[in-house]
Amino acid sequence: MDSWLYQTVQQLAQDSAAYEERAFFQALSQLALEQEKRIAQAQGEIDGRSWDEKSW
């Protein structure tokens, strides 16, 4: 589930010398993971609703 954004932000966090930058990039990577999870859930919900006979 590691997207390009997550991997890039993780690399930026590792390369950062300042604590504040590392903390920012770590928080941003967590946000990216949460967004990926929510997108996957929404896609699953849409798929499930499209196959639900009650919604026809």
C-alpha atoms as a PDB file:
ATOM      1  CA  MET A   1       0.000   0.000   0.000  1.00  0.00           C
ATOM      2  CA  ASP A   2       3.031   2.244   0.001  1.00  0.00           C
ATOM      3  CA  SER A   3       2.345   4.859  -2.623  1.00  0.00           C
ATOM      4  CA  TRP A   4       4.802   7.089  -4.392  1.00  0.00           C
ATOM      5  CA  LEU A   5       3.812   9.944  -2.068  1.00  0.00           C
ATOM      6  CA  TYR A   6       4.402   7.874   1.075  1.00  0.00           C
ATOM      7  CA  GLN A   7       7.787   6.646  -0.126  1.00  0.00           C
ATOM      8  CA  THR A   8       8.881  10.136  -1.176  1.00  0.00           C
ATOM      9  CA  VAL A   9       7.868  11.675   2.133  1.00  0.00           C
ATOM     10  CA  GLN A  10       9.619   8.898   4.046  1.00  0.00           C
ATOM     11  CA  GLN A  11      12.801   9.564   2.076  1.00  0.00           C
ATOM     12  CA  LEU A  12      12.512  13.289   2.783  1.00  0.00           C
ATOM     13  CA  ALA A  13      12.104  12.541   6.491  1.00  0.00           C
ATOM     14  CA  GLN A  14      15.231  10.402   6.494  1.00  0.00           C
ATOM     15  CA  ASP A  15      17.230  13.045   4.637  1.00  0.00           C
ATOM     16  CA  SER A  16      16.122  15.923   6.884  1.00  0.00           C
ATOM     17  CA  ALA A  17      18.618  17.204   9.412  1.00  0.00           C
ATOM     18  CA  ALA A  18      16.247  19.348  11.465  1.00  0.00           C
ATOM     19  CA  TYR A  19      13.912  17.718  13.969  1.00  0.00           C
ATOM     20  CA  GLU A  20      11.019  19.950  12.919  1.00  0.00           C
ATOM     21  CA  GLU A  21      11.315  18.835   9.290  1.00  0.00           C
ATOM     22  CA  ARG A  22      11.500  15.161  10.254  1.00  0.00           C
ATOM     23  CA  ALA A  23       8.435  15.539  12.470  1.00  0.00           C
ATOM     24  CA  PHE A  24       6.540  17.311   9.682  1.00  0.00           C
ATOM     25  CA  PHE A  25       7.405  14.645   7.112  1.00  0.00           C
ATOM     26  CA  GLN A  26       6.512  11.840   9.519  1.00  0.00           C
ATOM     27  CA  ALA A  27       3.102  13.398  10.129  1.00  0.00           C
ATOM     28  CA  LEU A  28       2.648  13.899   6.399  1.00  0.00           C
ATOM     29  CA  SER A  29       3.477  10.252   5.715  1.00  0.00           C
ATOM     30  CA  GLN A  30       0.864   9.167   8.263  1.00  0.00           C
ATOM     31  CA  LEU A  31      -1.664  11.417   6.539  1.00  0.00           C
ATOM     32  CA  ALA A  32      -0.788   9.839   3.176  1.00  0.00           C
ATOM     33  CA  LEU A  33      -1.349   6.337   4.603  1.00  0.00           C
ATOM     34  CA  GLU A  34      -4.685   7.362   6.108  1.00  0.00           C
ATOM     35  CA  GLN A  35      -5.808   8.865   2.811  1.00  0.00           C
ATOM     36  CA  GLU A  36      -4.851   5.686   0.943  1.00  0.00           C
ATOM     37  CA  LYS A  37      -6.868   3.651   3.440  1.00  0.00           C
ATOM     38  CA  ARG A  38      -9.913   5.909   3.070  1.00  0.00           C
ATOM     39  CA  ILE A  39      -9.703   5.810  -0.731  1.00  0.00           C
ATOM     40  CA  ALA A  40      -9.567   2.006  -0.674  1.00  0.00           C
ATOM     41  CA  GLN A  41     -12.572   1.883   1.663  1.00  0.00           C
ATOM     42  CA  ALA A  42     -14.552   4.258  -0.547  1.00  0.00           C
ATOM     43  CA  GLN A  43     -13.727   2.213  -3.634  1.00  0.00           C
ATOM     44  CA  GLY A  44     -14.855  -0.930  -1.833  1.00  0.00           C
ATOM     45  CA  GLU A  45     -18.087   0.743  -0.792  1.00  0.00           C
ATOM     46  CA  ILE A  46     -18.785   1.920  -4.334  1.00  0.00           C
ATOM     47  CA  ASP A  47     -18.062  -1.562  -5.674  1.00  0.00           C
ATOM     48  CA  GLY A  48     -20.302  -3.144  -3.058  1.00  0.00           C
ATOM     49  CA  ARG A  49     -23.164  -0.761  -3.740  1.00  0.00           C
ATOM     50  CA  SER A  50     -22.897  -1.301  -7.490  1.00  0.00           C
ATOM     51  CA  TRP A  51     -23.415  -5.048  -6.991  1.00  0.00           C
ATOM     52  CA  ASP A  52     -26.228  -4.650  -4.447  1.00  0.00           C
ATOM     53  CA  GLU A  53     -29.523  -5.704  -6.044  1.00  0.00           C
ATOM     54  CA  LYS A  54     -31.499  -3.469  -3.667  1.00  0.00           C
ATOM     55  CA  SER A  55     -29.939  -0.369  -5.184  1.00  0.00           C
ATOM     56  CA  TRP A  56     -31.265  -1.156  -8.662  1.00  0.00           C
END
